[in-house]
Amino acid sequence: MAAAGRSPQPALVLSQSWEAEVLVYPTVLVIDGVYLMWYGSYDHAVRRETTAIGFAASTDGQHWHKHPSNPVLRPDPNRPWESNYVGSGSVMRLSDGSFRYWYASRKQPPFLNLYFAINTARWRGPQAETQANALRLPPERGDAGTLTADASLGRSVDVLEVIDEDDAIIRAWYRAAEQNAAGEGTFVDVWLHGIDTKRLTAGMPAALTQTFQFTGNQLIDTTCGKRSFPLLEPKGE
């Protein structure tokens, strides 16, 4: 058997803030001459308690560009069979241009199963998914959407302060509609209520997968009087 031709350099290395320790379980499609890769890594997980799926693209299969809004799929804590791990995926493209992704999952520790279930998700692609569901910033009463980071929209989310087990103040950066892609961004500070804050750390980016709804305003006392924050809560199904 002839030896396989191997690249002298790795195709992907750890390079994004969410990735930890390893890059694993890649699956690749080639569409119109472009290589599309989905891969797994531990997700901000010092104790390896959770994983997520990242996305990268390449024109030659050797030099890859990771999507700035990675990870594109995280465990859903509201689904106990996939509350902590997603990985080992396979993917196909559907006739409408979206993707169907199958992945293995694991429940919360202590882990009694290596993997527990096979799940599936439909994905329209990173830019379409983010832009279609993005919460308007600054939000107005009744608005609902996600706070996912998206470099194409100038969006990122940082934790300012963790108040208690289900309240936090975050800074949501965005680019105003009248600004072009090169324009400087601005931000709005918002109060999140009804979330699990155990994975949030002040001064660090926030990975928020929920759909939030603007429900009012939260007042707090400061050394210079009252301050009002837009109040966002997870939207009920």
C-alpha atoms as a PDB file:
ATOM      1  CA  MET A   1       0.000   0.000   0.000  1.00  0.00           C
ATOM      2  CA  ALA A   2       1.424   3.377  -1.007  1.00  0.00           C
ATOM      3  CA  ALA A   3       2.056   5.872   1.753  1.00  0.00           C
ATOM      4  CA  ALA A   4      -0.510   8.658   1.958  1.00  0.00           C
ATOM      5  CA  GLY A   5       0.684  12.143   1.131  1.00  0.00           C
ATOM      6  CA  ARG A   6       0.561  14.074   4.407  1.00  0.00           C
ATOM      7  CA  SER A   7       0.692  17.805   4.903  1.00  0.00           C
ATOM      8  CA  PRO A   8       3.695  18.912   6.969  1.00  0.00           C
ATOM      9  CA  GLN A   9       1.436  21.226   8.990  1.00  0.00           C
ATOM     10  CA  PRO A  10      -1.824  20.565  10.862  1.00  0.00           C
ATOM     11  CA  ALA A  11      -5.007  21.658   9.128  1.00  0.00           C
ATOM     12  CA  LEU A  12      -6.505  23.162  12.304  1.00  0.00           C
ATOM     13  CA  VAL A  13      -5.027  24.160  15.645  1.00  0.00           C
ATOM     14  CA  LEU A  14      -6.513  25.572  18.837  1.00  0.00           C
ATOM     15  CA  SER A  15      -6.968  29.271  18.095  1.00  0.00           C
ATOM     16  CA  GLN A  16     -10.373  30.509  19.314  1.00  0.00           C
ATOM     17  CA  SER A  17     -11.178  31.447  22.894  1.00  0.00           C
ATOM     18  CA  TRP A  18     -13.942  28.841  23.304  1.00  0.00           C
ATOM     19  CA  GLU A  19     -11.697  25.915  22.262  1.00  0.00           C
ATOM     20  CA  ALA A  20      -9.937  23.922  24.973  1.00  0.00           C
ATOM     21  CA  GLU A  21      -7.344  21.104  24.871  1.00  0.00           C
ATOM     22  CA  VAL A  22      -8.393  19.251  21.719  1.00  0.00           C
ATOM     23  CA  LEU A  23      -9.962  19.512  18.270  1.00  0.00           C
ATOM     24  CA  VAL A  24     -11.783  16.267  17.438  1.00  0.00           C
ATOM     25  CA  TYR A  25     -14.383  14.449  15.300  1.00  0.00           C
ATOM     26  CA  PRO A  26     -14.093  16.432  12.038  1.00  0.00           C
ATOM     27  CA  THR A  27     -16.600  15.841   9.253  1.00  0.00           C
ATOM     28  CA  VAL A  28     -16.142  17.499   5.853  1.00  0.00           C
ATOM     29  CA  LEU A  29     -18.308  18.244   2.804  1.00  0.00           C
ATOM     30  CA  VAL A  30     -17.083  19.681  -0.508  1.00  0.00           C
ATOM     31  CA  ILE A  31     -19.650  21.998  -2.121  1.00  0.00           C
ATOM     32  CA  ASP A  32     -18.890  24.009  -5.262  1.00  0.00           C
ATOM     33  CA  GLY A  33     -15.179  23.521  -4.707  1.00  0.00           C
ATOM     34  CA  VAL A  34     -15.260  24.740  -1.099  1.00  0.00           C
ATOM     35  CA  TYR A  35     -14.435  22.434   1.801  1.00  0.00           C
ATOM     36  CA  LEU A  36     -16.757  22.787   4.805  1.00  0.00           C
ATOM     37  CA  MET A  37     -15.720  21.284   8.141  1.00  0.00           C
ATOM     38  CA  TRP A  38     -17.591  20.774  11.391  1.00  0.00           C
ATOM     39  CA  TYR A  39     -15.406  19.787  14.354  1.00  0.00           C
ATOM     40  CA  GLY A  40     -15.614  19.376  18.120  1.00  0.00           C
ATOM     41  CA  SER A  41     -13.744  20.796  21.094  1.00  0.00           C
ATOM     42  CA  TYR A  42     -14.190  21.268  24.803  1.00  0.00           C
ATOM     43  CA  ASP A  43     -16.106  24.516  25.313  1.00  0.00           C
ATOM     44  CA  HIS A  44     -14.407  26.854  27.823  1.00  0.00           C
ATOM     45  CA  ALA A  45     -14.149  23.652  29.870  1.00  0.00           C
ATOM     46  CA  VAL A  46     -11.296  23.519  32.358  1.00  0.00           C
ATOM     47  CA  ARG A  47     -12.840  20.360  33.833  1.00  0.00           C
ATOM     48  CA  ARG A  48     -13.970  18.918  30.485  1.00  0.00           C
ATOM     49  CA  GLU A  49     -17.618  19.115  31.467  1.00  0.00           C
ATOM     50  CA  THR A  50     -18.971  20.361  28.127  1.00  0.00           C
ATOM     51  CA  THR A  51     -18.197  20.333  24.397  1.00  0.00           C
ATOM     52  CA  ALA A  52     -19.396  22.243  21.338  1.00  0.00           C
ATOM     53  CA  ILE A  53     -19.175  22.166  17.535  1.00  0.00           C
ATOM     54  CA  GLY A  54     -17.156  24.626  15.464  1.00  0.00           C
ATOM     55  CA  PHE A  55     -17.268  25.376  11.734  1.00  0.00           C
ATOM     56  CA  ALA A  56     -14.452  26.152   9.278  1.00  0.00           C
ATOM     57  CA  ALA A  57     -14.097  26.576   5.502  1.00  0.00           C
ATOM     58  CA  SER A  58     -11.258  26.069   3.039  1.00  0.00           C
ATOM     59  CA  THR A  59     -10.650  26.330  -0.701  1.00  0.00           C
ATOM     60  CA  ASP A  60      -7.903  23.684  -0.758  1.00  0.00           C
ATOM     61  CA  GLY A  61      -8.563  21.428   2.240  1.00  0.00           C
ATOM     62  CA  GLN A  62      -5.316  22.515   3.900  1.00  0.00           C
ATOM     63  CA  HIS A  63      -5.697  26.182   4.826  1.00  0.00           C
ATOM     64  CA  TRP A  64      -8.811  26.696   6.913  1.00  0.00           C
ATOM     65  CA  HIS A  65     -10.730  29.743   8.130  1.00  0.00           C
ATOM     66  CA  LYS A  66     -12.799  29.314  11.281  1.00  0.00           C
ATOM     67  CA  HIS A  67     -16.104  31.122  11.544  1.00  0.00           C
ATOM     68  CA  PRO A  68     -15.859  34.068  13.970  1.00  0.00           C
ATOM     69  CA  SER A  69     -19.208  33.140  15.558  1.00  0.00           C
ATOM     70  CA  ASN A  70     -18.037  29.666  16.590  1.00  0.00           C
ATOM     71  CA  PRO A  71     -19.221  27.469  18.144  1.00  0.00           C
ATOM     72  CA  VAL A  72     -22.220  26.904  15.878  1.00  0.00           C
ATOM     73  CA  LEU A  73     -23.779  24.175  18.053  1.00  0.00           C
ATOM     74  CA  ARG A  74     -23.714  23.861  21.825  1.00  0.00           C
ATOM     75  CA  PRO A  75     -25.434  21.433  24.205  1.00  0.00           C
ATOM     76  CA  ASP A  76     -28.961  22.389  25.199  1.00  0.00           C
ATOM     77  CA  PRO A  77     -29.289  22.313  29.013  1.00  0.00           C
ATOM     78  CA  ASN A  78     -33.081  22.038  28.607  1.00  0.00           C
ATOM     79  CA  ARG A  79     -32.653  18.647  26.881  1.00  0.00           C
ATOM     80  CA  PRO A  80     -31.254  16.287  29.549  1.00  0.00           C
ATOM     81  CA  TRP A  81     -29.953  13.762  27.026  1.00  0.00           C
ATOM     82  CA  GLU A  82     -27.626  16.426  25.537  1.00  0.00           C
ATOM     83  CA  SER A  83     -27.103  18.812  28.426  1.00  0.00           C
ATOM     84  CA  ASN A  84     -23.282  18.699  28.335  1.00  0.00           C
ATOM     85  CA  TYR A  85     -21.755  17.065  25.264  1.00  0.00           C
ATOM     86  CA  VAL A  86     -22.326  17.297  21.512  1.00  0.00           C
ATOM     87  CA  GLY A  87     -19.876  15.732  19.076  1.00  0.00           C
ATOM     88  CA  SER A  88     -18.985  12.930  16.662  1.00  0.00           C
ATOM     89  CA  GLY A  89     -21.146  14.441  13.935  1.00  0.00           C
ATOM     90  CA  SER A  90     -21.962  13.717  10.303  1.00  0.00           C
ATOM     91  CA  VAL A  91     -23.640  16.089   7.872  1.00  0.00           C
ATOM     92  CA  MET A  92     -25.409  16.279   4.514  1.00  0.00           C
ATOM     93  CA  ARG A  93     -26.734  19.140   2.423  1.00  0.00           C
ATOM     94  CA  LEU A  94     -30.484  19.319   1.792  1.00  0.00           C
ATOM     95  CA  SER A  95     -32.195  20.380  -1.426  1.00  0.00           C
ATOM     96  CA  ASP A  96     -32.963  23.881  -0.082  1.00  0.00           C
ATOM     97  CA  GLY A  97     -29.290  24.555   0.649  1.00  0.00           C
ATOM     98  CA  SER A  98     -29.516  24.020   4.407  1.00  0.00           C
ATOM     99  CA  PHE A  99     -27.653  21.283   6.235  1.00  0.00           C
ATOM    100  CA  ARG A 100     -28.799  18.295   8.281  1.00  0.00           C
ATOM    101  CA  TYR A 101     -26.353  17.449  11.062  1.00  0.00           C
ATOM    102  CA  TRP A 102     -26.409  14.285  13.171  1.00  0.00           C
ATOM    103  CA  TYR A 103     -24.435  14.234  16.400  1.00  0.00           C
ATOM    104  CA  ALA A 104     -23.870  12.226  19.551  1.00  0.00           C
ATOM    105  CA  SER A 105     -24.607  13.645  22.994  1.00  0.00           C
ATOM    106  CA  ARG A 106     -23.939  13.085  26.659  1.00  0.00           C
ATOM    107  CA  LYS A 107     -25.832  13.909  29.838  1.00  0.00           C
ATOM    108  CA  GLN A 108     -24.475  15.928  32.758  1.00  0.00           C
ATOM    109  CA  PRO A 109     -21.785  14.479  35.072  1.00  0.00           C
ATOM    110  CA  PRO A 110     -21.283  11.987  36.568  1.00  0.00           C
ATOM    111  CA  PHE A 111     -21.051  10.386  33.134  1.00  0.00           C
ATOM    112  CA  LEU A 112     -22.664   6.943  33.133  1.00  0.00           C
ATOM    113  CA  ASN A 113     -22.482   6.624  29.336  1.00  0.00           C
ATOM    114  CA  LEU A 114     -19.676   7.430  26.918  1.00  0.00           C
ATOM    115  CA  TYR A 115     -22.406   8.876  24.727  1.00  0.00           C
ATOM    116  CA  PHE A 116     -26.112   8.630  25.419  1.00  0.00           C
ATOM    117  CA  ALA A 117     -28.138   9.548  22.319  1.00  0.00           C
ATOM    118  CA  ILE A 118     -27.993  10.458  18.634  1.00  0.00           C
ATOM    119  CA  ASN A 119     -29.666  13.764  17.816  1.00  0.00           C
ATOM    120  CA  THR A 120     -30.182  15.816  14.680  1.00  0.00           C
ATOM    121  CA  ALA A 121     -30.272  19.515  13.857  1.00  0.00           C
ATOM    122  CA  ARG A 122     -31.052  21.555  10.762  1.00  0.00           C
ATOM    123  CA  TRP A 123     -28.679  24.414  10.017  1.00  0.00           C
ATOM    124  CA  ARG A 124     -29.011  27.118   7.358  1.00  0.00           C
ATOM    125  CA  GLY A 125     -25.390  28.226   7.654  1.00  0.00           C
ATOM    126  CA  PRO A 126     -23.621  30.520  10.115  1.00  0.00           C
ATOM    127  CA  GLN A 127     -24.471  33.915   8.634  1.00  0.00           C
ATOM    128  CA  ALA A 128     -28.080  33.161   7.701  1.00  0.00           C
ATOM    129  CA  GLU A 129     -28.822  31.561  11.069  1.00  0.00           C
ATOM    130  CA  THR A 130     -27.319  34.384  13.105  1.00  0.00           C
ATOM    131  CA  GLN A 131     -28.786  37.267  11.147  1.00  0.00           C
ATOM    132  CA  ALA A 132     -32.275  35.753  10.922  1.00  0.00           C
ATOM    133  CA  ASN A 133     -32.540  35.297  14.690  1.00  0.00           C
ATOM    134  CA  ALA A 134     -30.474  38.228  15.995  1.00  0.00           C
ATOM    135  CA  LEU A 135     -32.108  40.413  18.637  1.00  0.00           C
ATOM    136  CA  ARG A 136     -32.438  44.047  17.587  1.00  0.00           C
ATOM    137  CA  LEU A 137     -30.026  46.278  19.506  1.00  0.00           C
ATOM    138  CA  PRO A 138     -30.892  48.311  21.408  1.00  0.00           C
ATOM    139  CA  PRO A 139     -34.026  46.223  22.011  1.00  0.00           C
ATOM    140  CA  GLU A 140     -37.546  47.579  22.116  1.00  0.00           C
ATOM    141  CA  ARG A 141     -40.514  46.284  24.108  1.00  0.00           C
ATOM    142  CA  GLY A 142     -41.655  42.909  22.786  1.00  0.00           C
ATOM    143  CA  ASP A 143     -38.498  42.250  20.714  1.00  0.00           C
ATOM    144  CA  ALA A 144     -37.153  38.684  20.789  1.00  0.00           C
ATOM    145  CA  GLY A 145     -34.015  37.090  19.375  1.00  0.00           C
ATOM    146  CA  THR A 146     -30.537  35.781  20.133  1.00  0.00           C
ATOM    147  CA  LEU A 147     -27.400  37.485  21.436  1.00  0.00           C
ATOM    148  CA  THR A 148     -25.018  35.301  19.447  1.00  0.00           C
ATOM    149  CA  ALA A 149     -21.688  36.841  18.438  1.00  0.00           C
ATOM    150  CA  ASP A 150     -21.412  37.594  14.707  1.00  0.00           C
ATOM    151  CA  ALA A 151     -18.433  39.479  13.291  1.00  0.00           C
ATOM    152  CA  SER A 152     -20.315  40.291  10.073  1.00  0.00           C
ATOM    153  CA  LEU A 153     -22.807  42.296  12.168  1.00  0.00           C
ATOM    154  CA  GLY A 154     -20.182  43.713  14.519  1.00  0.00           C
ATOM    155  CA  ARG A 155     -21.746  41.716  17.357  1.00  0.00           C
ATOM    156  CA  SER A 156     -20.073  40.315  20.442  1.00  0.00           C
ATOM    157  CA  VAL A 157     -21.183  39.814  24.035  1.00  0.00           C
ATOM    158  CA  ASP A 158     -19.109  40.361  27.212  1.00  0.00           C
ATOM    159  CA  VAL A 159     -20.022  39.709  30.834  1.00  0.00           C
ATOM    160  CA  LEU A 160     -19.842  42.849  32.989  1.00  0.00           C
ATOM    161  CA  GLU A 161     -21.110  41.463  36.295  1.00  0.00           C
ATOM    162  CA  VAL A 162     -22.639  38.244  37.599  1.00  0.00           C
ATOM    163  CA  ILE A 163     -25.308  39.331  40.091  1.00  0.00           C
ATOM    164  CA  ASP A 164     -26.516  35.967  41.403  1.00  0.00           C
ATOM    165  CA  GLU A 165     -27.356  32.471  40.189  1.00  0.00           C
ATOM    166  CA  ASP A 166     -29.847  33.669  37.581  1.00  0.00           C
ATOM    167  CA  ASP A 167     -29.031  37.359  36.945  1.00  0.00           C
ATOM    168  CA  ALA A 168     -26.143  39.014  35.112  1.00  0.00           C
ATOM    169  CA  ILE A 169     -25.286  42.282  33.365  1.00  0.00           C
ATOM    170  CA  ILE A 170     -23.778  41.908  29.908  1.00  0.00           C
ATOM    171  CA  ARG A 171     -22.464  44.328  27.296  1.00  0.00           C
ATOM    172  CA  ALA A 172     -23.805  43.627  23.795  1.00  0.00           C
ATOM    173  CA  TRP A 173     -21.680  45.160  21.031  1.00  0.00           C
ATOM    174  CA  TYR A 174     -23.268  45.828  17.652  1.00  0.00           C
ATOM    175  CA  ARG A 175     -22.958  47.892  14.493  1.00  0.00           C
ATOM    176  CA  ALA A 176     -25.788  50.347  13.908  1.00  0.00           C
ATOM    177  CA  ALA A 177     -27.806  49.904  10.718  1.00  0.00           C
ATOM    178  CA  GLU A 178     -26.402  53.080   9.171  1.00  0.00           C
ATOM    179  CA  GLN A 179     -22.789  51.988   9.728  1.00  0.00           C
ATOM    180  CA  ASN A 180     -20.907  50.065   7.065  1.00  0.00           C
ATOM    181  CA  ALA A 181     -18.829  46.954   7.721  1.00  0.00           C
ATOM    182  CA  ALA A 182     -15.763  49.065   8.497  1.00  0.00           C
ATOM    183  CA  GLY A 183     -17.598  51.341  10.929  1.00  0.00           C
ATOM    184  CA  GLU A 184     -16.836  51.320  14.637  1.00  0.00           C
ATOM    185  CA  GLY A 185     -19.301  49.452  16.763  1.00  0.00           C
ATOM    186  CA  THR A 186     -21.239  50.638  19.777  1.00  0.00           C
ATOM    187  CA  PHE A 187     -22.845  48.785  22.670  1.00  0.00           C
ATOM    188  CA  VAL A 188     -25.783  48.526  24.997  1.00  0.00           C
ATOM    189  CA  ASP A 189     -25.591  47.149  28.540  1.00  0.00           C
ATOM    190  CA  VAL A 190     -28.493  44.844  29.394  1.00  0.00           C
ATOM    191  CA  TRP A 191     -29.714  42.898  32.409  1.00  0.00           C
ATOM    192  CA  LEU A 192     -30.331  39.184  31.881  1.00  0.00           C
ATOM    193  CA  HIS A 193     -32.758  37.467  34.243  1.00  0.00           C
ATOM    194  CA  GLY A 194     -33.727  33.805  34.462  1.00  0.00           C
ATOM    195  CA  ILE A 195     -30.505  32.316  33.113  1.00  0.00           C
ATOM    196  CA  ASP A 196     -27.968  29.888  34.563  1.00  0.00           C
ATOM    197  CA  THR A 197     -24.974  32.103  35.371  1.00  0.00           C
ATOM    198  CA  LYS A 198     -22.610  29.338  36.544  1.00  0.00           C
ATOM    199  CA  ARG A 199     -20.783  29.399  33.193  1.00  0.00           C
ATOM    200  CA  LEU A 200     -20.488  33.198  33.047  1.00  0.00           C
ATOM    201  CA  THR A 201     -17.366  35.028  34.237  1.00  0.00           C
ATOM    202  CA  ALA A 202     -17.034  38.788  34.543  1.00  0.00           C
ATOM    203  CA  GLY A 203     -14.659  40.206  31.963  1.00  0.00           C
ATOM    204  CA  MET A 204     -15.044  37.226  29.626  1.00  0.00           C
ATOM    205  CA  PRO A 205     -17.124  36.676  26.462  1.00  0.00           C
ATOM    206  CA  ALA A 206     -20.590  35.242  27.072  1.00  0.00           C
ATOM    207  CA  ALA A 207     -21.812  32.191  25.167  1.00  0.00           C
ATOM    208  CA  LEU A 208     -25.585  32.632  25.119  1.00  0.00           C
ATOM    209  CA  THR A 209     -27.654  30.203  23.059  1.00  0.00           C
ATOM    210  CA  GLN A 210     -31.135  31.119  24.299  1.00  0.00           C
ATOM    211  CA  THR A 211     -33.719  33.251  22.561  1.00  0.00           C
ATOM    212  CA  PHE A 212     -34.329  36.312  24.750  1.00  0.00           C
ATOM    213  CA  GLN A 213     -37.305  38.663  24.959  1.00  0.00           C
ATOM    214  CA  PHE A 214     -37.223  42.296  26.068  1.00  0.00           C
ATOM    215  CA  THR A 215     -39.705  42.495  28.929  1.00  0.00           C
ATOM    216  CA  GLY A 216     -39.064  45.876  30.550  1.00  0.00           C
ATOM    217  CA  ASN A 217     -36.354  47.672  32.496  1.00  0.00           C
ATOM    218  CA  GLN A 218     -34.293  46.877  35.587  1.00  0.00           C
ATOM    219  CA  LEU A 219     -33.377  49.742  37.931  1.00  0.00           C
ATOM    220  CA  ILE A 220     -30.349  49.645  40.214  1.00  0.00           C
ATOM    221  CA  ASP A 221     -28.826  52.108  42.681  1.00  0.00           C
ATOM    222  CA  THR A 222     -25.423  53.588  41.804  1.00  0.00           C
ATOM    223  CA  THR A 223     -23.219  56.179  43.484  1.00  0.00           C
ATOM    224  CA  CYS A 224     -24.696  58.701  41.012  1.00  0.00           C
ATOM    225  CA  GLY A 225     -28.366  57.810  41.339  1.00  0.00           C
ATOM    226  CA  LYS A 226     -30.523  55.257  39.576  1.00  0.00           C
ATOM    227  CA  ARG A 227     -29.471  53.405  36.430  1.00  0.00           C
ATOM    228  CA  SER A 228     -31.863  51.607  34.099  1.00  0.00           C
ATOM    229  CA  PHE A 229     -31.020  48.529  32.033  1.00  0.00           C
ATOM    230  CA  PRO A 230     -33.114  46.848  29.331  1.00  0.00           C
ATOM    231  CA  LEU A 231     -34.355  43.609  30.923  1.00  0.00           C
ATOM    232  CA  LEU A 232     -34.053  40.448  28.846  1.00  0.00           C
ATOM    233  CA  GLU A 233     -35.499  37.076  29.849  1.00  0.00           C
ATOM    234  CA  PRO A 234     -35.431  33.708  28.062  1.00  0.00           C
ATOM    235  CA  LYS A 235     -38.431  33.456  25.797  1.00  0.00           C
ATOM    236  CA  GLY A 236     -40.888  30.716  26.724  1.00  0.00           C
ATOM    237  CA  GLU A 237     -41.850  28.211  24.065  1.00  0.00           C
END
